[in-house]
Amino acid sequence: MEDVPTGRKKNVKMKLHVDFLKTRSEEDFIPRGLNINLLSTTGKDDEIFQNKWKATLRHCSKMLAECLVEHYERQLAQNATLIADNP
């Protein structure tokens, strides 16, 4: 088990990351590492298909960011309990 100061330091970093992801989500901005950029070889000349494809990828990217936020928030809650139990 890691020592409490290290755990607190990790918690601060995780909290900052959560805040960053939430802020970016509110601004409708997806961080580069979570932005899915797949080109479809199907329907290259079909603008409706291409627009829907891009919108679907964007939605998926947003869902990944939300998934990370939810995971980090659960982790923060668990860490807070551990820190409280080990003052």
PDB file of N, CA and C in Angstrom:
ATOM      1  N   MET A   1       0.848  -1.186   0.000  1.00  0.00           N
ATOM      2  CA  MET A   1       0.000   0.000   0.000  1.00  0.00           C
ATOM      3  C   MET A   1       0.892   1.248   0.000  1.00  0.00           C
ATOM      4  N   GLU A   2       0.507   2.227  -0.797  1.00  0.00           N
ATOM      5  CA  GLU A   2       1.325   3.435  -0.881  1.00  0.00           C
ATOM      6  C   GLU A   2       1.115   4.312   0.338  1.00  0.00           C
ATOM      7  N   ASP A   3       2.085   5.159   0.615  1.00  0.00           N
ATOM      8  CA  ASP A   3       1.954   6.030   1.770  1.00  0.00           C
ATOM      9  C   ASP A   3       0.929   7.126   1.495  1.00  0.00           C
ATOM     10  N   VAL A   4       0.382   7.663   2.567  1.00  0.00           N
ATOM     11  CA  VAL A   4      -0.713   8.633   2.463  1.00  0.00           C
ATOM     12  C   VAL A   4      -0.326   9.896   1.696  1.00  0.00           C
ATOM     13  N   PRO A   5       0.851  10.509   1.937  1.00  0.00           N
ATOM     14  CA  PRO A   5       1.189  11.715   1.165  1.00  0.00           C
ATOM     15  C   PRO A   5       1.217  11.451  -0.343  1.00  0.00           C
ATOM     16  N   THR A   6       1.745  10.293  -0.741  1.00  0.00           N
ATOM     17  CA  THR A   6       1.749   9.961  -2.163  1.00  0.00           C
ATOM     18  C   THR A   6       0.323   9.802  -2.670  1.00  0.00           C
ATOM     19  N   GLY A   7      -0.525   9.183  -1.875  1.00  0.00           N
ATOM     20  CA  GLY A   7      -1.931   9.013  -2.244  1.00  0.00           C
ATOM     21  C   GLY A   7      -2.641  10.343  -2.395  1.00  0.00           C
ATOM     22  N   ARG A   8      -2.330  11.269  -1.499  1.00  0.00           N
ATOM     23  CA  ARG A   8      -2.941  12.600  -1.584  1.00  0.00           C
ATOM     24  C   ARG A   8      -2.467  13.337  -2.836  1.00  0.00           C
ATOM     25  N   LYS A   9      -1.195  13.184  -3.144  1.00  0.00           N
ATOM     26  CA  LYS A   9      -0.633  13.827  -4.334  1.00  0.00           C
ATOM     27  C   LYS A   9      -1.314  13.285  -5.600  1.00  0.00           C
ATOM     28  N   LYS A  10      -1.495  11.965  -5.633  1.00  0.00           N
ATOM     29  CA  LYS A  10      -2.174  11.346  -6.782  1.00  0.00           C
ATOM     30  C   LYS A  10      -3.622  11.833  -6.868  1.00  0.00           C
ATOM     31  N   ASN A  11      -4.249  11.976  -5.707  1.00  0.00           N
ATOM     32  CA  ASN A  11      -5.631  12.461  -5.690  1.00  0.00           C
ATOM     33  C   ASN A  11      -5.740  13.861  -6.283  1.00  0.00           C
ATOM     34  N   VAL A  12      -4.805  14.721  -5.927  1.00  0.00           N
ATOM     35  CA  VAL A  12      -4.819  16.094  -6.446  1.00  0.00           C
ATOM     36  C   VAL A  12      -4.669  16.069  -7.963  1.00  0.00           C
ATOM     37  N   LYS A  13      -3.734  15.263  -8.454  1.00  0.00           N
ATOM     38  CA  LYS A  13      -3.533  15.170  -9.902  1.00  0.00           C
ATOM     39  C   LYS A  13      -4.780  14.629 -10.596  1.00  0.00           C
ATOM     40  N   MET A  14      -5.398  13.610  -9.983  1.00  0.00           N
ATOM     41  CA  MET A  14      -6.596  13.024 -10.572  1.00  0.00           C
ATOM     42  C   MET A  14      -7.743  14.031 -10.580  1.00  0.00           C
ATOM     43  N   LYS A  15      -7.877  14.778  -9.484  1.00  0.00           N
ATOM     44  CA  LYS A  15      -8.937  15.797  -9.394  1.00  0.00           C
ATOM     45  C   LYS A  15      -8.739  16.867 -10.462  1.00  0.00           C
ATOM     46  N   LEU A  16      -7.497  17.283 -10.674  1.00  0.00           N
ATOM     47  CA  LEU A  16      -7.214  18.273 -11.720  1.00  0.00           C
ATOM     48  C   LEU A  16      -7.550  17.716 -13.101  1.00  0.00           C
ATOM     49  N   HIS A  17      -7.262  16.447 -13.310  1.00  0.00           N
ATOM     50  CA  HIS A  17      -7.576  15.813 -14.594  1.00  0.00           C
ATOM     51  C   HIS A  17      -9.087  15.754 -14.807  1.00  0.00           C
ATOM     52  N   VAL A  18      -9.823  15.403 -13.763  1.00  0.00           N
ATOM     53  CA  VAL A  18     -11.289  15.374 -13.848  1.00  0.00           C
ATOM     54  C   VAL A  18     -11.826  16.764 -14.175  1.00  0.00           C
ATOM     55  N   ASP A  19     -11.318  17.767 -13.481  1.00  0.00           N
ATOM     56  CA  ASP A  19     -11.761  19.143 -13.727  1.00  0.00           C
ATOM     57  C   ASP A  19     -11.472  19.559 -15.170  1.00  0.00           C
ATOM     58  N   PHE A  20     -10.296  19.188 -15.670  1.00  0.00           N
ATOM     59  CA  PHE A  20      -9.922  19.500 -17.050  1.00  0.00           C
ATOM     60  C   PHE A  20     -10.898  18.837 -18.035  1.00  0.00           C
ATOM     61  N   LEU A  21     -11.167  17.549 -17.828  1.00  0.00           N
ATOM     62  CA  LEU A  21     -12.071  16.831 -18.740  1.00  0.00           C
ATOM     63  C   LEU A  21     -13.490  17.409 -18.697  1.00  0.00           C
ATOM     64  N   LYS A  22     -13.956  17.745 -17.501  1.00  0.00           N
ATOM     65  CA  LYS A  22     -15.299  18.322 -17.371  1.00  0.00           C
ATOM     66  C   LYS A  22     -15.380  19.684 -18.064  1.00  0.00           C
ATOM     67  N   THR A  23     -14.370  20.514 -17.850  1.00  0.00           N
ATOM     68  CA  THR A  23     -14.345  21.840 -18.476  1.00  0.00           C
ATOM     69  C   THR A  23     -14.335  21.716 -19.984  1.00  0.00           C
ATOM     70  N   ARG A  24     -13.489  20.838 -20.493  1.00  0.00           N
ATOM     71  CA  ARG A  24     -13.410  20.639 -21.945  1.00  0.00           C
ATOM     72  C   ARG A  24     -14.720  20.108 -22.500  1.00  0.00           C
ATOM     73  N   SER A  25     -15.363  19.236 -21.755  1.00  0.00           N
ATOM     74  CA  SER A  25     -16.647  18.692 -22.202  1.00  0.00           C
ATOM     75  C   SER A  25     -17.699  19.792 -22.279  1.00  0.00           C
ATOM     76  N   GLU A  26     -17.720  20.658 -21.276  1.00  0.00           N
ATOM     77  CA  GLU A  26     -18.667  21.774 -21.269  1.00  0.00           C
ATOM     78  C   GLU A  26     -18.419  22.725 -22.433  1.00  0.00           C
ATOM     79  N   GLU A  27     -17.163  22.835 -22.835  1.00  0.00           N
ATOM     80  CA  GLU A  27     -16.796  23.709 -23.951  1.00  0.00           C
ATOM     81  C   GLU A  27     -16.945  22.997 -25.299  1.00  0.00           C
ATOM     82  N   ASP A  28     -17.430  21.748 -25.254  1.00  0.00           N
ATOM     83  CA  ASP A  28     -17.607  20.919 -26.447  1.00  0.00           C
ATOM     84  C   ASP A  28     -16.271  20.707 -27.175  1.00  0.00           C
ATOM     85  N   PHE A  29     -15.233  20.496 -26.379  1.00  0.00           N
ATOM     86  CA  PHE A  29     -13.893  20.257 -26.907  1.00  0.00           C
ATOM     87  C   PHE A  29     -13.422  18.895 -26.420  1.00  0.00           C
ATOM     88  N   ILE A  30     -12.908  18.084 -27.329  1.00  0.00           N
ATOM     89  CA  ILE A  30     -12.423  16.768 -26.972  1.00  0.00           C
ATOM     90  C   ILE A  30     -10.897  16.794 -26.992  1.00  0.00           C
ATOM     91  N   PRO A  31     -10.260  16.413 -25.881  1.00  0.00           N
ATOM     92  CA  PRO A  31      -8.799  16.370 -25.880  1.00  0.00           C
ATOM     93  C   PRO A  31      -8.270  15.459 -26.987  1.00  0.00           C
ATOM     94  N   ARG A  32      -7.151  15.808 -27.544  1.00  0.00           N
ATOM     95  CA  ARG A  32      -6.575  15.103 -28.695  1.00  0.00           C
ATOM     96  C   ARG A  32      -6.466  13.600 -28.475  1.00  0.00           C
ATOM     97  N   GLY A  33      -6.049  13.187 -27.298  1.00  0.00           N
ATOM     98  CA  GLY A  33      -5.868  11.766 -27.026  1.00  0.00           C
ATOM     99  C   GLY A  33      -7.155  10.969 -26.997  1.00  0.00           C
ATOM    100  N   LEU A  34      -8.290  11.647 -26.855  1.00  0.00           N
ATOM    101  CA  LEU A  34      -9.582  10.958 -26.822  1.00  0.00           C
ATOM    102  C   LEU A  34     -10.373  11.142 -28.110  1.00  0.00           C
ATOM    103  N   ASN A  35      -9.836  11.902 -29.026  1.00  0.00           N
ATOM    104  CA  ASN A  35     -10.528  12.185 -30.275  1.00  0.00           C
ATOM    105  C   ASN A  35     -10.330  11.027 -31.255  1.00  0.00           C
ATOM    106  N   ILE A  36     -11.407  10.337 -31.580  1.00  0.00           N
ATOM    107  CA  ILE A  36     -11.338   9.213 -32.505  1.00  0.00           C
ATOM    108  C   ILE A  36     -11.423   9.759 -33.922  1.00  0.00           C
ATOM    109  N   ASN A  37     -10.444   9.404 -34.709  1.00  0.00           N
ATOM    110  CA  ASN A  37     -10.382   9.921 -36.075  1.00  0.00           C
ATOM    111  C   ASN A  37     -10.204   8.749 -37.044  1.00  0.00           C
ATOM    112  N   LEU A  38     -11.296   8.115 -37.401  1.00  0.00           N
ATOM    113  CA  LEU A  38     -11.262   6.994 -38.336  1.00  0.00           C
ATOM    114  C   LEU A  38     -11.904   7.418 -39.648  1.00  0.00           C
ATOM    115  N   LEU A  39     -11.208   7.192 -40.714  1.00  0.00           N
ATOM    116  CA  LEU A  39     -11.762   7.504 -42.021  1.00  0.00           C
ATOM    117  C   LEU A  39     -12.488   6.285 -42.561  1.00  0.00           C
ATOM    118  N   SER A  40     -13.644   6.515 -43.120  1.00  0.00           N
ATOM    119  CA  SER A  40     -14.404   5.429 -43.715  1.00  0.00           C
ATOM    120  C   SER A  40     -14.077   5.341 -45.203  1.00  0.00           C
ATOM    121  N   THR A  41     -13.833   4.133 -45.664  1.00  0.00           N
ATOM    122  CA  THR A  41     -13.597   3.941 -47.099  1.00  0.00           C
ATOM    123  C   THR A  41     -14.921   3.777 -47.834  1.00  0.00           C
ATOM    124  N   THR A  42     -15.973   3.644 -47.074  1.00  0.00           N
ATOM    125  CA  THR A  42     -17.309   3.523 -47.656  1.00  0.00           C
ATOM    126  C   THR A  42     -17.933   4.908 -47.765  1.00  0.00           C
ATOM    127  N   GLY A  43     -18.660   5.152 -48.834  1.00  0.00           N
ATOM    128  CA  GLY A  43     -19.422   6.382 -48.979  1.00  0.00           C
ATOM    129  C   GLY A  43     -18.591   7.640 -49.081  1.00  0.00           C
ATOM    130  N   LYS A  44     -17.430   7.561 -49.699  1.00  0.00           N
ATOM    131  CA  LYS A  44     -16.559   8.738 -49.809  1.00  0.00           C
ATOM    132  C   LYS A  44     -17.248   9.907 -50.518  1.00  0.00           C
ATOM    133  N   ASP A  45     -18.131   9.605 -51.443  1.00  0.00           N
ATOM    134  CA  ASP A  45     -18.817  10.652 -52.208  1.00  0.00           C
ATOM    135  C   ASP A  45     -20.196  10.980 -51.643  1.00  0.00           C
ATOM    136  N   ASP A  46     -20.549  10.365 -50.536  1.00  0.00           N
ATOM    137  CA  ASP A  46     -21.866  10.565 -49.930  1.00  0.00           C
ATOM    138  C   ASP A  46     -21.717  11.501 -48.725  1.00  0.00           C
ATOM    139  N   GLU A  47     -22.051  12.769 -48.930  1.00  0.00           N
ATOM    140  CA  GLU A  47     -21.867  13.774 -47.886  1.00  0.00           C
ATOM    141  C   GLU A  47     -22.707  13.471 -46.652  1.00  0.00           C
ATOM    142  N   ILE A  48     -23.918  12.986 -46.840  1.00  0.00           N
ATOM    143  CA  ILE A  48     -24.790  12.661 -45.704  1.00  0.00           C
ATOM    144  C   ILE A  48     -24.150  11.561 -44.863  1.00  0.00           C
ATOM    145  N   PHE A  49     -23.651  10.521 -45.540  1.00  0.00           N
ATOM    146  CA  PHE A  49     -22.980   9.432 -44.820  1.00  0.00           C
ATOM    147  C   PHE A  49     -21.752   9.943 -44.075  1.00  0.00           C
ATOM    148  N   GLN A  50     -20.924  10.722 -44.734  1.00  0.00           N
ATOM    149  CA  GLN A  50     -19.697  11.239 -44.124  1.00  0.00           C
ATOM    150  C   GLN A  50     -20.000  12.109 -42.901  1.00  0.00           C
ATOM    151  N   ASN A  51     -21.026  12.950 -43.009  1.00  0.00           N
ATOM    152  CA  ASN A  51     -21.415  13.797 -41.870  1.00  0.00           C
ATOM    153  C   ASN A  51     -21.896  12.961 -40.690  1.00  0.00           C
ATOM    154  N   LYS A  52     -22.684  11.940 -40.989  1.00  0.00           N
ATOM    155  CA  LYS A  52     -23.178  11.063 -39.928  1.00  0.00           C
ATOM    156  C   LYS A  52     -22.017  10.279 -39.313  1.00  0.00           C
ATOM    157  N   TRP A  53     -21.084   9.822 -40.140  1.00  0.00           N
ATOM    158  CA  TRP A  53     -19.904   9.092 -39.670  1.00  0.00           C
ATOM    159  C   TRP A  53     -19.102   9.962 -38.694  1.00  0.00           C
ATOM    160  N   LYS A  54     -18.846  11.193 -39.087  1.00  0.00           N
ATOM    161  CA  LYS A  54     -18.066  12.104 -38.250  1.00  0.00           C
ATOM    162  C   LYS A  54     -18.799  12.426 -36.940  1.00  0.00           C
ATOM    163  N   ALA A  55     -20.114  12.619 -37.028  1.00  0.00           N
ATOM    164  CA  ALA A  55     -20.906  12.913 -35.834  1.00  0.00           C
ATOM    165  C   ALA A  55     -20.895  11.726 -34.870  1.00  0.00           C
ATOM    166  N   THR A  56     -20.943  10.525 -35.416  1.00  0.00           N
ATOM    167  CA  THR A  56     -20.909   9.317 -34.588  1.00  0.00           C
ATOM    168  C   THR A  56     -19.564   9.192 -33.878  1.00  0.00           C
ATOM    169  N   LEU A  57     -18.480   9.447 -34.589  1.00  0.00           N
ATOM    170  CA  LEU A  57     -17.154   9.388 -33.976  1.00  0.00           C
ATOM    171  C   LEU A  57     -17.006  10.455 -32.888  1.00  0.00           C
ATOM    172  N   ARG A  58     -17.531  11.621 -33.144  1.00  0.00           N
ATOM    173  CA  ARG A  58     -17.459  12.706 -32.154  1.00  0.00           C
ATOM    174  C   ARG A  58     -18.233  12.321 -30.893  1.00  0.00           C
ATOM    175  N   HIS A  59     -19.414  11.739 -31.097  1.00  0.00           N
ATOM    176  CA  HIS A  59     -20.219  11.287 -29.960  1.00  0.00           C
ATOM    177  C   HIS A  59     -19.464  10.217 -29.169  1.00  0.00           C
ATOM    178  N   CYS A  60     -18.843   9.293 -29.865  1.00  0.00           N
ATOM    179  CA  CYS A  60     -18.068   8.237 -29.220  1.00  0.00           C
ATOM    180  C   CYS A  60     -16.914   8.838 -28.412  1.00  0.00           C
ATOM    181  N   SER A  61     -16.237   9.805 -28.967  1.00  0.00           N
ATOM    182  CA  SER A  61     -15.132  10.471 -28.272  1.00  0.00           C
ATOM    183  C   SER A  61     -15.623  11.139 -26.985  1.00  0.00           C
ATOM    184  N   LYS A  62     -16.786  11.781 -27.057  1.00  0.00           N
ATOM    185  CA  LYS A  62     -17.362  12.417 -25.867  1.00  0.00           C
ATOM    186  C   LYS A  62     -17.702  11.373 -24.810  1.00  0.00           C
ATOM    187  N   MET A  63     -18.228  10.235 -25.257  1.00  0.00           N
ATOM    188  CA  MET A  63     -18.586   9.167 -24.330  1.00  0.00           C
ATOM    189  C   MET A  63     -17.342   8.619 -23.626  1.00  0.00           C
ATOM    190  N   LEU A  64     -16.224   8.529 -24.331  1.00  0.00           N
ATOM    191  CA  LEU A  64     -14.975   8.077 -23.712  1.00  0.00           C
ATOM    192  C   LEU A  64     -14.541   9.043 -22.619  1.00  0.00           C
ATOM    193  N   ALA A  65     -14.646  10.329 -22.883  1.00  0.00           N
ATOM    194  CA  ALA A  65     -14.285  11.332 -21.885  1.00  0.00           C
ATOM    195  C   ALA A  65     -15.197  11.211 -20.659  1.00  0.00           C
ATOM    196  N   GLU A  66     -16.498  11.019 -20.890  1.00  0.00           N
ATOM    197  CA  GLU A  66     -17.438  10.856 -19.784  1.00  0.00           C
ATOM    198  C   GLU A  66     -17.119   9.603 -18.983  1.00  0.00           C
ATOM    199  N   CYS A  67     -16.754   8.542 -19.664  1.00  0.00           N
ATOM    200  CA  CYS A  67     -16.389   7.290 -19.009  1.00  0.00           C
ATOM    201  C   CYS A  67     -15.179   7.502 -18.091  1.00  0.00           C
ATOM    202  N   LEU A  68     -14.190   8.232 -18.572  1.00  0.00           N
ATOM    203  CA  LEU A  68     -13.017   8.522 -17.751  1.00  0.00           C
ATOM    204  C   LEU A  68     -13.378   9.351 -16.526  1.00  0.00           C
ATOM    205  N   VAL A  69     -14.214  10.354 -16.716  1.00  0.00           N
ATOM    206  CA  VAL A  69     -14.627  11.205 -15.594  1.00  0.00           C
ATOM    207  C   VAL A  69     -15.325  10.357 -14.531  1.00  0.00           C
ATOM    208  N   GLU A  70     -16.243   9.496 -14.958  1.00  0.00           N
ATOM    209  CA  GLU A  70     -16.965   8.640 -14.009  1.00  0.00           C
ATOM    210  C   GLU A  70     -15.995   7.723 -13.262  1.00  0.00           C
ATOM    211  N   HIS A  71     -15.060   7.150 -13.980  1.00  0.00           N
ATOM    212  CA  HIS A  71     -14.073   6.262 -13.349  1.00  0.00           C
ATOM    213  C   HIS A  71     -13.238   7.031 -12.324  1.00  0.00           C
ATOM    214  N   TYR A  72     -12.719   8.187 -12.722  1.00  0.00           N
ATOM    215  CA  TYR A  72     -11.889   8.977 -11.820  1.00  0.00           C
ATOM    216  C   TYR A  72     -12.668   9.439 -10.598  1.00  0.00           C
ATOM    217  N   GLU A  73     -13.927   9.785 -10.770  1.00  0.00           N
ATOM    218  CA  GLU A  73     -14.727  10.226  -9.629  1.00  0.00           C
ATOM    219  C   GLU A  73     -14.949   9.084  -8.640  1.00  0.00           C
ATOM    220  N   ARG A  74     -15.175   7.882  -9.152  1.00  0.00           N
ATOM    221  CA  ARG A  74     -15.295   6.723  -8.255  1.00  0.00           C
ATOM    222  C   ARG A  74     -13.971   6.475  -7.540  1.00  0.00           C
ATOM    223  N   GLN A  75     -12.884   6.575  -8.271  1.00  0.00           N
ATOM    224  CA  GLN A  75     -11.564   6.364  -7.702  1.00  0.00           C
ATOM    225  C   GLN A  75     -11.252   7.409  -6.630  1.00  0.00           C
ATOM    226  N   LEU A  76     -11.620   8.653  -6.897  1.00  0.00           N
ATOM    227  CA  LEU A  76     -11.403   9.722  -5.911  1.00  0.00           C
ATOM    228  C   LEU A  76     -12.177   9.445  -4.629  1.00  0.00           C
ATOM    229  N   ALA A  77     -13.409   8.979  -4.769  1.00  0.00           N
ATOM    230  CA  ALA A  77     -14.217   8.667  -3.589  1.00  0.00           C
ATOM    231  C   ALA A  77     -13.577   7.532  -2.782  1.00  0.00           C
ATOM    232  N   GLN A  78     -13.088   6.509  -3.470  1.00  0.00           N
ATOM    233  CA  GLN A  78     -12.418   5.397  -2.782  1.00  0.00           C
ATOM    234  C   GLN A  78     -11.144   5.887  -2.095  1.00  0.00           C
ATOM    235  N   ASN A  79     -10.386   6.702  -2.785  1.00  0.00           N
ATOM    236  CA  ASN A  79      -9.136   7.230  -2.223  1.00  0.00           C
ATOM    237  C   ASN A  79      -9.400   8.100  -0.999  1.00  0.00           C
ATOM    238  N   ALA A  80     -10.467   8.892  -1.060  1.00  0.00           N
ATOM    239  CA  ALA A  80     -10.812   9.747   0.082  1.00  0.00           C
ATOM    240  C   ALA A  80     -11.104   8.893   1.320  1.00  0.00           C
ATOM    241  N   THR A  81     -11.776   7.774   1.110  1.00  0.00           N
ATOM    242  CA  THR A  81     -12.070   6.865   2.208  1.00  0.00           C
ATOM    243  C   THR A  81     -10.780   6.282   2.783  1.00  0.00           C
ATOM    244  N   LEU A  82      -9.878   5.882   1.891  1.00  0.00           N
ATOM    245  CA  LEU A  82      -8.594   5.327   2.352  1.00  0.00           C
ATOM    246  C   LEU A  82      -7.782   6.352   3.128  1.00  0.00           C
ATOM    247  N   ILE A  83      -7.765   7.558   2.634  1.00  0.00           N
ATOM    248  CA  ILE A  83      -7.001   8.627   3.300  1.00  0.00           C
ATOM    249  C   ILE A  83      -7.616   8.943   4.659  1.00  0.00           C
ATOM    250  N   ALA A  84      -8.953   8.973   4.721  1.00  0.00           N
ATOM    251  CA  ALA A  84      -9.636   9.259   5.984  1.00  0.00           C
ATOM    252  C   ALA A  84      -9.376   8.152   7.025  1.00  0.00           C
ATOM    253  N   ASP A  85      -9.257   6.924   6.533  1.00  0.00           N
ATOM    254  CA  ASP A  85      -9.014   5.796   7.436  1.00  0.00           C
ATOM    255  C   ASP A  85      -7.554   5.722   7.897  1.00  0.00           C
ATOM    256  N   ASN A  86      -6.670   6.423   7.194  1.00  0.00           N
ATOM    257  CA  ASN A  86      -5.228   6.415   7.516  1.00  0.00           C
ATOM    258  C   ASN A  86      -4.710   7.842   7.648  1.00  0.00           C
ATOM    259  N   PRO A  87      -5.101   8.540   8.706  1.00  0.00           N
ATOM    260  CA  PRO A  87      -4.700   9.969   8.826  1.00  0.00           C
ATOM    261  C   PRO A  87      -3.208  10.166   8.973  1.00  0.00           C
TER     262      PRO A  87
END
